[in-house]
Amino acid sequence: MHRRWAYYRQLPVTLKALAVVTILAPACVIEAERAGLRYEKAQWKGVGKEELEAREAQLRLHWDSLSQRDKIKDWADRHKFGIIGGSWASSMLIAWAIIQRDP
């Protein structure tokens, strides 16, 4: 962005760092949470592991039995906060683009 966008070149280093941290920090936290869940799952042995595998198989069968509309509804229900946040961020980006277009 520094090479192609004059407005970005004019920004102070602190604002550039803020943009990087705003994106990088949540991404690191989310990945750390996922890694922790993978680690916990790897520690299960014996009966606990068998029960987890049986539960996953049951969920997979349930997912396969759903219609396309029900799958979309289920996915949206599980990701509602991401959808809300993404919609808000998209609306802010569109508003910014409209404002920048008309000086």
PDB file of N, CA and C in Angstrom:
ATOM      1  N   MET A   1       0.823  -1.191   0.000  1.00  0.00           N
ATOM      2  CA  MET A   1       0.000   0.000   0.000  1.00  0.00           C
ATOM      3  C   MET A   1       0.868   1.255   0.000  1.00  0.00           C
ATOM      4  N   HIS A   2       2.037   1.154   0.600  1.00  0.00           N
ATOM      5  CA  HIS A   2       2.911   2.314   0.704  1.00  0.00           C
ATOM      6  C   HIS A   2       3.358   2.802  -0.674  1.00  0.00           C
ATOM      7  N   ARG A   3       3.558   1.899  -1.585  1.00  0.00           N
ATOM      8  CA  ARG A   3       4.051   2.276  -2.916  1.00  0.00           C
ATOM      9  C   ARG A   3       2.944   2.807  -3.819  1.00  0.00           C
ATOM     10  N   ARG A   4       1.715   2.354  -3.632  1.00  0.00           N
ATOM     11  CA  ARG A   4       0.664   2.661  -4.600  1.00  0.00           C
ATOM     12  C   ARG A   4      -0.352   3.689  -4.132  1.00  0.00           C
ATOM     13  N   TRP A   5      -0.415   3.970  -2.868  1.00  0.00           N
ATOM     14  CA  TRP A   5      -1.469   4.825  -2.360  1.00  0.00           C
ATOM     15  C   TRP A   5      -0.850   6.021  -1.647  1.00  0.00           C
ATOM     16  N   ALA A   6      -0.982   7.209  -2.231  1.00  0.00           N
ATOM     17  CA  ALA A   6      -0.351   8.415  -1.682  1.00  0.00           C
ATOM     18  C   ALA A   6      -0.917   8.740  -0.295  1.00  0.00           C
ATOM     19  N   TYR A   7      -2.200   8.548  -0.101  1.00  0.00           N
ATOM     20  CA  TYR A   7      -2.799   8.844   1.202  1.00  0.00           C
ATOM     21  C   TYR A   7      -2.181   7.980   2.298  1.00  0.00           C
ATOM     22  N   TYR A   8      -1.918   6.729   1.995  1.00  0.00           N
ATOM     23  CA  TYR A   8      -1.309   5.837   2.979  1.00  0.00           C
ATOM     24  C   TYR A   8       0.111   6.286   3.320  1.00  0.00           C
ATOM     25  N   ARG A   9       0.850   6.786   2.332  1.00  0.00           N
ATOM     26  CA  ARG A   9       2.208   7.258   2.584  1.00  0.00           C
ATOM     27  C   ARG A   9       2.220   8.457   3.528  1.00  0.00           C
ATOM     28  N   GLN A  10       1.161   9.257   3.498  1.00  0.00           N
ATOM     29  CA  GLN A  10       1.093  10.446   4.338  1.00  0.00           C
ATOM     30  C   GLN A  10       0.718  10.136   5.784  1.00  0.00           C
ATOM     31  N   LEU A  11       0.197   8.964   6.045  1.00  0.00           N
ATOM     32  CA  LEU A  11      -0.218   8.623   7.405  1.00  0.00           C
ATOM     33  C   LEU A  11       0.988   8.504   8.321  1.00  0.00           C
ATOM     34  N   PRO A  12       0.831   8.911   9.579  1.00  0.00           N
ATOM     35  CA  PRO A  12       1.929   8.726  10.529  1.00  0.00           C
ATOM     36  C   PRO A  12       2.156   7.243  10.815  1.00  0.00           C
ATOM     37  N   VAL A  13       3.351   6.936  11.254  1.00  0.00           N
ATOM     38  CA  VAL A  13       3.717   5.549  11.525  1.00  0.00           C
ATOM     39  C   VAL A  13       2.805   4.946  12.598  1.00  0.00           C
ATOM     40  N   THR A  14       2.381   5.755  13.549  1.00  0.00           N
ATOM     41  CA  THR A  14       1.523   5.238  14.616  1.00  0.00           C
ATOM     42  C   THR A  14       0.186   4.737  14.076  1.00  0.00           C
ATOM     43  N   LEU A  15      -0.391   5.431  13.111  1.00  0.00           N
ATOM     44  CA  LEU A  15      -1.653   4.963  12.525  1.00  0.00           C
ATOM     45  C   LEU A  15      -1.441   3.712  11.675  1.00  0.00           C
ATOM     46  N   LYS A  16      -0.318   3.642  10.995  1.00  0.00           N
ATOM     47  CA  LYS A  16      -0.007   2.437  10.228  1.00  0.00           C
ATOM     48  C   LYS A  16       0.143   1.249  11.175  1.00  0.00           C
ATOM     49  N   ALA A  17       0.823   1.472  12.297  1.00  0.00           N
ATOM     50  CA  ALA A  17       0.995   0.404  13.292  1.00  0.00           C
ATOM     51  C   ALA A  17      -0.347   0.009  13.890  1.00  0.00           C
ATOM     52  N   LEU A  18      -1.218   0.993  14.138  1.00  0.00           N
ATOM     53  CA  LEU A  18      -2.546   0.691  14.659  1.00  0.00           C
ATOM     54  C   LEU A  18      -3.320  -0.214  13.703  1.00  0.00           C
ATOM     55  N   ALA A  19      -3.227   0.068  12.414  1.00  0.00           N
ATOM     56  CA  ALA A  19      -3.917  -0.763  11.425  1.00  0.00           C
ATOM     57  C   ALA A  19      -3.389  -2.197  11.453  1.00  0.00           C
ATOM     58  N   VAL A  20      -2.087  -2.338  11.555  1.00  0.00           N
ATOM     59  CA  VAL A  20      -1.489  -3.679  11.592  1.00  0.00           C
ATOM     60  C   VAL A  20      -1.905  -4.419  12.851  1.00  0.00           C
ATOM     61  N   VAL A  21      -1.836  -3.740  13.998  1.00  0.00           N
ATOM     62  CA  VAL A  21      -2.185  -4.375  15.270  1.00  0.00           C
ATOM     63  C   VAL A  21      -3.666  -4.733  15.315  1.00  0.00           C
ATOM     64  N   THR A  22      -4.513  -3.875  14.751  1.00  0.00           N
ATOM     65  CA  THR A  22      -5.955  -4.128  14.745  1.00  0.00           C
ATOM     66  C   THR A  22      -6.293  -5.404  13.983  1.00  0.00           C
ATOM     67  N   ILE A  23      -5.524  -5.709  12.977  1.00  0.00           N
ATOM     68  CA  ILE A  23      -5.771  -6.928  12.202  1.00  0.00           C
ATOM     69  C   ILE A  23      -5.012  -8.110  12.788  1.00  0.00           C
ATOM     70  N   LEU A  24      -3.779  -7.889  13.177  1.00  0.00           N
ATOM     71  CA  LEU A  24      -2.909  -8.980  13.600  1.00  0.00           C
ATOM     72  C   LEU A  24      -3.269  -9.548  14.975  1.00  0.00           C
ATOM     73  N   ALA A  25      -3.602  -8.713  15.926  1.00  0.00           N
ATOM     74  CA  ALA A  25      -3.883  -9.191  17.291  1.00  0.00           C
ATOM     75  C   ALA A  25      -5.076 -10.150  17.343  1.00  0.00           C
ATOM     76  N   PRO A  26      -6.237  -9.782  16.778  1.00  0.00           N
ATOM     77  CA  PRO A  26      -7.349 -10.743  16.813  1.00  0.00           C
ATOM     78  C   PRO A  26      -7.035 -12.033  16.057  1.00  0.00           C
ATOM     79  N   ALA A  27      -6.300 -11.921  14.951  1.00  0.00           N
ATOM     80  CA  ALA A  27      -5.952 -13.120  14.191  1.00  0.00           C
ATOM     81  C   ALA A  27      -5.075 -14.056  15.034  1.00  0.00           C
ATOM     82  N   CYS A  28      -4.122 -13.500  15.771  1.00  0.00           N
ATOM     83  CA  CYS A  28      -3.267 -14.325  16.637  1.00  0.00           C
ATOM     84  C   CYS A  28      -4.064 -14.966  17.764  1.00  0.00           C
ATOM     85  N   VAL A  29      -4.975 -14.218  18.363  1.00  0.00           N
ATOM     86  CA  VAL A  29      -5.787 -14.750  19.452  1.00  0.00           C
ATOM     87  C   VAL A  29      -6.674 -15.889  18.962  1.00  0.00           C
ATOM     88  N   ILE A  30      -7.286 -15.715  17.811  1.00  0.00           N
ATOM     89  CA  ILE A  30      -8.161 -16.752  17.260  1.00  0.00           C
ATOM     90  C   ILE A  30      -7.356 -18.002  16.938  1.00  0.00           C
ATOM     91  N   GLU A  31      -6.203 -17.835  16.325  1.00  0.00           N
ATOM     92  CA  GLU A  31      -5.374 -18.998  15.986  1.00  0.00           C
ATOM     93  C   GLU A  31      -4.858 -19.687  17.242  1.00  0.00           C
ATOM     94  N   ALA A  32      -4.531 -18.922  18.280  1.00  0.00           N
ATOM     95  CA  ALA A  32      -4.084 -19.527  19.539  1.00  0.00           C
ATOM     96  C   ALA A  32      -5.211 -20.356  20.164  1.00  0.00           C
ATOM     97  N   GLU A  33      -6.417 -19.849  20.101  1.00  0.00           N
ATOM     98  CA  GLU A  33      -7.567 -20.602  20.632  1.00  0.00           C
ATOM     99  C   GLU A  33      -7.758 -21.909  19.863  1.00  0.00           C
ATOM    100  N   ARG A  34      -7.666 -21.838  18.557  1.00  0.00           N
ATOM    101  CA  ARG A  34      -7.812 -23.053  17.749  1.00  0.00           C
ATOM    102  C   ARG A  34      -6.695 -24.052  18.030  1.00  0.00           C
ATOM    103  N   ALA A  35      -5.479 -23.556  18.193  1.00  0.00           N
ATOM    104  CA  ALA A  35      -4.351 -24.440  18.507  1.00  0.00           C
ATOM    105  C   ALA A  35      -4.552 -25.094  19.869  1.00  0.00           C
ATOM    106  N   GLY A  36      -5.068 -24.333  20.829  1.00  0.00           N
ATOM    107  CA  GLY A  36      -5.352 -24.897  22.146  1.00  0.00           C
ATOM    108  C   GLY A  36      -6.404 -25.992  22.086  1.00  0.00           C
ATOM    109  N   LEU A  37      -7.434 -25.780  21.297  1.00  0.00           N
ATOM    110  CA  LEU A  37      -8.470 -26.807  21.143  1.00  0.00           C
ATOM    111  C   LEU A  37      -7.914 -28.057  20.466  1.00  0.00           C
ATOM    112  N   ARG A  38      -7.044 -27.860  19.451  1.00  0.00           N
ATOM    113  CA  ARG A  38      -6.417 -29.017  18.795  1.00  0.00           C
ATOM    114  C   ARG A  38      -5.546 -29.782  19.782  1.00  0.00           C
ATOM    115  N   TYR A  39      -4.816 -29.057  20.630  1.00  0.00           N
ATOM    116  CA  TYR A  39      -3.958 -29.698  21.621  1.00  0.00           C
ATOM    117  C   TYR A  39      -4.795 -30.495  22.626  1.00  0.00           C
ATOM    118  N   GLU A  40      -5.863 -29.890  23.119  1.00  0.00           N
ATOM    119  CA  GLU A  40      -6.732 -30.604  24.066  1.00  0.00           C
ATOM    120  C   GLU A  40      -7.301 -31.873  23.442  1.00  0.00           C
ATOM    121  N   LYS A  41      -7.713 -31.774  22.204  1.00  0.00           N
ATOM    122  CA  LYS A  41      -8.276 -32.937  21.512  1.00  0.00           C
ATOM    123  C   LYS A  41      -7.220 -34.032  21.345  1.00  0.00           C
ATOM    124  N   ALA A  42      -5.980 -33.645  21.100  1.00  0.00           N
ATOM    125  CA  ALA A  42      -4.911 -34.628  20.930  1.00  0.00           C
ATOM    126  C   ALA A  42      -4.586 -35.343  22.247  1.00  0.00           C
ATOM    127  N   GLN A  43      -4.902 -34.726  23.390  1.00  0.00           N
ATOM    128  CA  GLN A  43      -4.597 -35.321  24.687  1.00  0.00           C
ATOM    129  C   GLN A  43      -5.613 -36.380  25.118  1.00  0.00           C
ATOM    130  N   TRP A  44      -6.773 -36.388  24.501  1.00  0.00           N
ATOM    131  CA  TRP A  44      -7.789 -37.376  24.869  1.00  0.00           C
ATOM    132  C   TRP A  44      -7.344 -38.765  24.424  1.00  0.00           C
ATOM    133  N   LYS A  45      -7.517 -39.737  25.306  1.00  0.00           N
ATOM    134  CA  LYS A  45      -7.148 -41.122  24.992  1.00  0.00           C
ATOM    135  C   LYS A  45      -8.218 -42.050  25.536  1.00  0.00           C
ATOM    136  N   GLY A  46      -8.289 -43.229  24.995  1.00  0.00           N
ATOM    137  CA  GLY A  46      -9.181 -44.258  25.520  1.00  0.00           C
ATOM    138  C   GLY A  46     -10.646 -43.964  25.297  1.00  0.00           C
ATOM    139  N   VAL A  47     -11.436 -44.130  26.373  1.00  0.00           N
ATOM    140  CA  VAL A  47     -12.893 -44.002  26.289  1.00  0.00           C
ATOM    141  C   VAL A  47     -13.302 -42.597  25.870  1.00  0.00           C
ATOM    142  N   GLY A  48     -12.615 -41.575  26.383  1.00  0.00           N
ATOM    143  CA  GLY A  48     -12.949 -40.200  26.028  1.00  0.00           C
ATOM    144  C   GLY A  48     -12.801 -39.951  24.541  1.00  0.00           C
ATOM    145  N   LYS A  49     -11.730 -40.490  23.967  1.00  0.00           N
ATOM    146  CA  LYS A  49     -11.497 -40.312  22.537  1.00  0.00           C
ATOM    147  C   LYS A  49     -12.559 -41.038  21.719  1.00  0.00           C
ATOM    148  N   GLU A  50     -12.914 -42.240  22.146  1.00  0.00           N
ATOM    149  CA  GLU A  50     -13.955 -42.989  21.438  1.00  0.00           C
ATOM    150  C   GLU A  50     -15.291 -42.257  21.490  1.00  0.00           C
ATOM    151  N   GLU A  51     -15.592 -41.669  22.641  1.00  0.00           N
ATOM    152  CA  GLU A  51     -16.852 -40.939  22.765  1.00  0.00           C
ATOM    153  C   GLU A  51     -16.846 -39.691  21.878  1.00  0.00           C
ATOM    154  N   LEU A  52     -15.710 -38.986  21.815  1.00  0.00           N
ATOM    155  CA  LEU A  52     -15.616 -37.834  20.921  1.00  0.00           C
ATOM    156  C   LEU A  52     -15.796 -38.236  19.466  1.00  0.00           C
ATOM    157  N   GLU A  53     -15.172 -39.344  19.072  1.00  0.00           N
ATOM    158  CA  GLU A  53     -15.302 -39.811  17.688  1.00  0.00           C
ATOM    159  C   GLU A  53     -16.730 -40.222  17.375  1.00  0.00           C
ATOM    160  N   ALA A  54     -17.408 -40.872  18.340  1.00  0.00           N
ATOM    161  CA  ALA A  54     -18.802 -41.257  18.140  1.00  0.00           C
ATOM    162  C   ALA A  54     -19.684 -40.019  18.003  1.00  0.00           C
ATOM    163  N   ARG A  55     -19.406 -39.005  18.808  1.00  0.00           N
ATOM    164  CA  ARG A  55     -20.184 -37.757  18.734  1.00  0.00           C
ATOM    165  C   ARG A  55     -19.952 -37.066  17.392  1.00  0.00           C
ATOM    166  N   GLU A  56     -18.704 -37.046  16.920  1.00  0.00           N
ATOM    167  CA  GLU A  56     -18.408 -36.448  15.617  1.00  0.00           C
ATOM    168  C   GLU A  56     -19.115 -37.191  14.495  1.00  0.00           C
ATOM    169  N   ALA A  57     -19.143 -38.522  14.565  1.00  0.00           N
ATOM    170  CA  ALA A  57     -19.840 -39.314  13.552  1.00  0.00           C
ATOM    171  C   ALA A  57     -21.332 -39.011  13.569  1.00  0.00           C
ATOM    172  N   GLN A  58     -21.893 -38.872  14.764  1.00  0.00           N
ATOM    173  CA  GLN A  58     -23.317 -38.550  14.888  1.00  0.00           C
ATOM    174  C   GLN A  58     -23.605 -37.165  14.292  1.00  0.00           C
ATOM    175  N   LEU A  59     -22.741 -36.197  14.572  1.00  0.00           N
ATOM    176  CA  LEU A  59     -22.920 -34.863  14.012  1.00  0.00           C
ATOM    177  C   LEU A  59     -22.770 -34.862  12.489  1.00  0.00           C
ATOM    178  N   ARG A  60     -21.828 -35.662  11.985  1.00  0.00           N
ATOM    179  CA  ARG A  60     -21.639 -35.758  10.535  1.00  0.00           C
ATOM    180  C   ARG A  60     -22.873 -36.346   9.862  1.00  0.00           C
ATOM    181  N   LEU A  61     -23.472 -37.374  10.466  1.00  0.00           N
ATOM    182  CA  LEU A  61     -24.702 -37.951   9.921  1.00  0.00           C
ATOM    183  C   LEU A  61     -25.840 -36.938   9.938  1.00  0.00           C
ATOM    184  N   HIS A  62     -25.939 -36.191  11.031  1.00  0.00           N
ATOM    185  CA  HIS A  62     -26.980 -35.165  11.122  1.00  0.00           C
ATOM    186  C   HIS A  62     -26.771 -34.098  10.047  1.00  0.00           C
ATOM    187  N   TRP A  63     -25.525 -33.668   9.849  1.00  0.00           N
ATOM    188  CA  TRP A  63     -25.219 -32.651   8.847  1.00  0.00           C
ATOM    189  C   TRP A  63     -25.564 -33.154   7.445  1.00  0.00           C
ATOM    190  N   ASP A  64     -25.234 -34.410   7.156  1.00  0.00           N
ATOM    191  CA  ASP A  64     -25.520 -34.975   5.839  1.00  0.00           C
ATOM    192  C   ASP A  64     -27.019 -35.096   5.584  1.00  0.00           C
ATOM    193  N   SER A  65     -27.812 -35.227   6.641  1.00  0.00           N
ATOM    194  CA  SER A  65     -29.259 -35.371   6.464  1.00  0.00           C
ATOM    195  C   SER A  65     -29.966 -34.030   6.282  1.00  0.00           C
ATOM    196  N   LEU A  66     -29.282 -32.924   6.525  1.00  0.00           N
ATOM    197  CA  LEU A  66     -29.907 -31.612   6.389  1.00  0.00           C
ATOM    198  C   LEU A  66     -30.031 -31.200   4.925  1.00  0.00           C
ATOM    199  N   SER A  67     -31.071 -30.413   4.635  1.00  0.00           N
ATOM    200  CA  SER A  67     -31.210 -29.850   3.296  1.00  0.00           C
ATOM    201  C   SER A  67     -30.242 -28.670   3.150  1.00  0.00           C
ATOM    202  N   GLN A  68     -30.078 -28.185   1.929  1.00  0.00           N
ATOM    203  CA  GLN A  68     -29.152 -27.074   1.688  1.00  0.00           C
ATOM    204  C   GLN A  68     -29.578 -25.847   2.487  1.00  0.00           C
ATOM    205  N   ARG A  69     -30.872 -25.572   2.527  1.00  0.00           N
ATOM    206  CA  ARG A  69     -31.378 -24.418   3.264  1.00  0.00           C
ATOM    207  C   ARG A  69     -31.097 -24.567   4.770  1.00  0.00           C
ATOM    208  N   ASP A  70     -31.302 -25.758   5.301  1.00  0.00           N
ATOM    209  CA  ASP A  70     -31.037 -25.993   6.724  1.00  0.00           C
ATOM    210  C   ASP A  70     -29.551 -25.887   7.034  1.00  0.00           C
ATOM    211  N   LYS A  71     -28.700 -26.315   6.098  1.00  0.00           N
ATOM    212  CA  LYS A  71     -27.253 -26.190   6.307  1.00  0.00           C
ATOM    213  C   LYS A  71     -26.841 -24.729   6.376  1.00  0.00           C
ATOM    214  N   ILE A  72     -27.400 -23.914   5.489  1.00  0.00           N
ATOM    215  CA  ILE A  72     -27.093 -22.487   5.492  1.00  0.00           C
ATOM    216  C   ILE A  72     -27.589 -21.847   6.787  1.00  0.00           C
ATOM    217  N   LYS A  73     -28.775 -22.216   7.200  1.00  0.00           N
ATOM    218  CA  LYS A  73     -29.348 -21.670   8.434  1.00  0.00           C
ATOM    219  C   LYS A  73     -28.499 -22.079   9.646  1.00  0.00           C
ATOM    220  N   ASP A  74     -28.075 -23.335   9.684  1.00  0.00           N
ATOM    221  CA  ASP A  74     -27.241 -23.811  10.786  1.00  0.00           C
ATOM    222  C   ASP A  74     -25.895 -23.094  10.803  1.00  0.00           C
ATOM    223  N   TRP A  75     -25.277 -22.945   9.631  1.00  0.00           N
ATOM    224  CA  TRP A  75     -23.996 -22.254   9.541  1.00  0.00           C
ATOM    225  C   TRP A  75     -24.137 -20.808  10.002  1.00  0.00           C
ATOM    226  N   ALA A  76     -25.193 -20.127   9.550  1.00  0.00           N
ATOM    227  CA  ALA A  76     -25.407 -18.729   9.924  1.00  0.00           C
ATOM    228  C   ALA A  76     -25.648 -18.598  11.429  1.00  0.00           C
ATOM    229  N   ASP A  77     -26.332 -19.569  12.005  1.00  0.00           N
ATOM    230  CA  ASP A  77     -26.590 -19.529  13.446  1.00  0.00           C
ATOM    231  C   ASP A  77     -25.293 -19.698  14.241  1.00  0.00           C
ATOM    232  N   ARG A  78     -24.396 -20.545  13.760  1.00  0.00           N
ATOM    233  CA  ARG A  78     -23.133 -20.763  14.458  1.00  0.00           C
ATOM    234  C   ARG A  78     -22.141 -19.618  14.266  1.00  0.00           C
ATOM    235  N   HIS A  79     -22.300 -18.839  13.194  1.00  0.00           N
ATOM    236  CA  HIS A  79     -21.358 -17.761  12.878  1.00  0.00           C
ATOM    237  C   HIS A  79     -22.028 -16.382  12.914  1.00  0.00           C
ATOM    238  N   LYS A  80     -23.045 -16.219  13.741  1.00  0.00           N
ATOM    239  CA  LYS A  80     -23.826 -14.978  13.715  1.00  0.00           C
ATOM    240  C   LYS A  80     -22.998 -13.744  14.073  1.00  0.00           C
ATOM    241  N   PHE A  81     -22.094 -13.848  15.030  1.00  0.00           N
ATOM    242  CA  PHE A  81     -21.315 -12.671  15.405  1.00  0.00           C
ATOM    243  C   PHE A  81     -20.319 -12.288  14.313  1.00  0.00           C
ATOM    244  N   GLY A  82     -19.763 -13.267  13.631  1.00  0.00           N
ATOM    245  CA  GLY A  82     -18.882 -12.973  12.505  1.00  0.00           C
ATOM    246  C   GLY A  82     -19.634 -12.324  11.359  1.00  0.00           C
ATOM    247  N   ILE A  83     -20.851 -12.773  11.131  1.00  0.00           N
ATOM    248  CA  ILE A  83     -21.674 -12.185  10.074  1.00  0.00           C
ATOM    249  C   ILE A  83     -22.020 -10.745  10.427  1.00  0.00           C
ATOM    250  N   ILE A  84     -22.392 -10.514  11.682  1.00  0.00           N
ATOM    251  CA  ILE A  84     -22.730  -9.154  12.117  1.00  0.00           C
ATOM    252  C   ILE A  84     -21.510  -8.244  12.010  1.00  0.00           C
ATOM    253  N   GLY A  85     -20.368  -8.708  12.501  1.00  0.00           N
ATOM    254  CA  GLY A  85     -19.151  -7.904  12.433  1.00  0.00           C
ATOM    255  C   GLY A  85     -18.708  -7.645  11.005  1.00  0.00           C
ATOM    256  N   GLY A  86     -18.782  -8.671  10.169  1.00  0.00           N
ATOM    257  CA  GLY A  86     -18.405  -8.503   8.763  1.00  0.00           C
ATOM    258  C   GLY A  86     -19.339  -7.563   8.036  1.00  0.00           C
ATOM    259  N   SER A  87     -20.627  -7.642   8.341  1.00  0.00           N
ATOM    260  CA  SER A  87     -21.597  -6.737   7.723  1.00  0.00           C
ATOM    261  C   SER A  87     -21.332  -5.296   8.138  1.00  0.00           C
ATOM    262  N   TRP A  88     -21.035  -5.099   9.426  1.00  0.00           N
ATOM    263  CA  TRP A  88     -20.743  -3.755   9.899  1.00  0.00           C
ATOM    264  C   TRP A  88     -19.486  -3.207   9.229  1.00  0.00           C
ATOM    265  N   ALA A  89     -18.421  -4.029   9.184  1.00  0.00           N
ATOM    266  CA  ALA A  89     -17.170  -3.580   8.568  1.00  0.00           C
ATOM    267  C   ALA A  89     -17.376  -3.279   7.081  1.00  0.00           C
ATOM    268  N   SER A  90     -18.146  -4.106   6.405  1.00  0.00           N
ATOM    269  CA  SER A  90     -18.425  -3.868   4.986  1.00  0.00           C
ATOM    270  C   SER A  90     -19.197  -2.572   4.789  1.00  0.00           C
ATOM    271  N   SER A  91     -20.184  -2.329   5.636  1.00  0.00           N
ATOM    272  CA  SER A  91     -20.961  -1.094   5.504  1.00  0.00           C
ATOM    273  C   SER A  91     -20.088   0.133   5.756  1.00  0.00           C
ATOM    274  N   MET A  92     -19.155   0.041   6.711  1.00  0.00           N
ATOM    275  CA  MET A  92     -18.251   1.158   6.967  1.00  0.00           C
ATOM    276  C   MET A  92     -17.325   1.388   5.773  1.00  0.00           C
ATOM    277  N   LEU A  93     -16.848   0.313   5.171  1.00  0.00           N
ATOM    278  CA  LEU A  93     -15.979   0.432   4.003  1.00  0.00           C
ATOM    279  C   LEU A  93     -16.722   1.040   2.823  1.00  0.00           C
ATOM    280  N   ILE A  94     -17.948   0.612   2.605  1.00  0.00           N
ATOM    281  CA  ILE A  94     -18.760   1.164   1.505  1.00  0.00           C
ATOM    282  C   ILE A  94     -19.040   2.635   1.755  1.00  0.00           C
ATOM    283  N   ALA A  95     -19.401   2.987   2.998  1.00  0.00           N
ATOM    284  CA  ALA A  95     -19.659   4.396   3.326  1.00  0.00           C
ATOM    285  C   ALA A  95     -18.406   5.235   3.103  1.00  0.00           C
ATOM    286  N   TRP A  96     -17.258   4.731   3.530  1.00  0.00           N
ATOM    287  CA  TRP A  96     -16.006   5.448   3.341  1.00  0.00           C
ATOM    288  C   TRP A  96     -15.717   5.643   1.842  1.00  0.00           C
ATOM    289  N   ALA A  97     -15.946   4.580   1.042  1.00  0.00           N
ATOM    290  CA  ALA A  97     -15.693   4.677  -0.403  1.00  0.00           C
ATOM    291  C   ALA A  97     -16.613   5.714  -1.047  1.00  0.00           C
ATOM    292  N   ILE A  98     -17.864   5.775  -0.612  1.00  0.00           N
ATOM    293  CA  ILE A  98     -18.803   6.741  -1.164  1.00  0.00           C
ATOM    294  C   ILE A  98     -18.374   8.164  -0.782  1.00  0.00           C
ATOM    295  N   ILE A  99     -17.976   8.339   0.463  1.00  0.00           N
ATOM    296  CA  ILE A  99     -17.553   9.670   0.916  1.00  0.00           C
ATOM    297  C   ILE A  99     -16.288  10.099   0.186  1.00  0.00           C
ATOM    298  N   GLN A 100     -15.329   9.219  -0.006  1.00  0.00           N
ATOM    299  CA  GLN A 100     -14.091   9.565  -0.682  1.00  0.00           C
ATOM    300  C   GLN A 100     -14.289   9.866  -2.160  1.00  0.00           C
ATOM    301  N   ARG A 101     -15.334   9.321  -2.732  1.00  0.00           N
ATOM    302  CA  ARG A 101     -15.593   9.522  -4.159  1.00  0.00           C
ATOM    303  C   ARG A 101     -16.049  10.945  -4.450  1.00  0.00           C
ATOM    304  N   ASP A 102     -16.720  11.556  -3.484  1.00  0.00           N
ATOM    305  CA  ASP A 102     -17.288  12.894  -3.699  1.00  0.00           C
ATOM    306  C   ASP A 102     -16.634  13.892  -2.745  1.00  0.00           C
ATOM    307  N   PRO A 103     -15.579  14.586  -3.183  1.00  0.00           N
ATOM    308  CA  PRO A 103     -14.873  15.519  -2.286  1.00  0.00           C
ATOM    309  C   PRO A 103     -15.715  16.689  -2.036  1.00  0.00           C
TER     310      PRO A 103
END
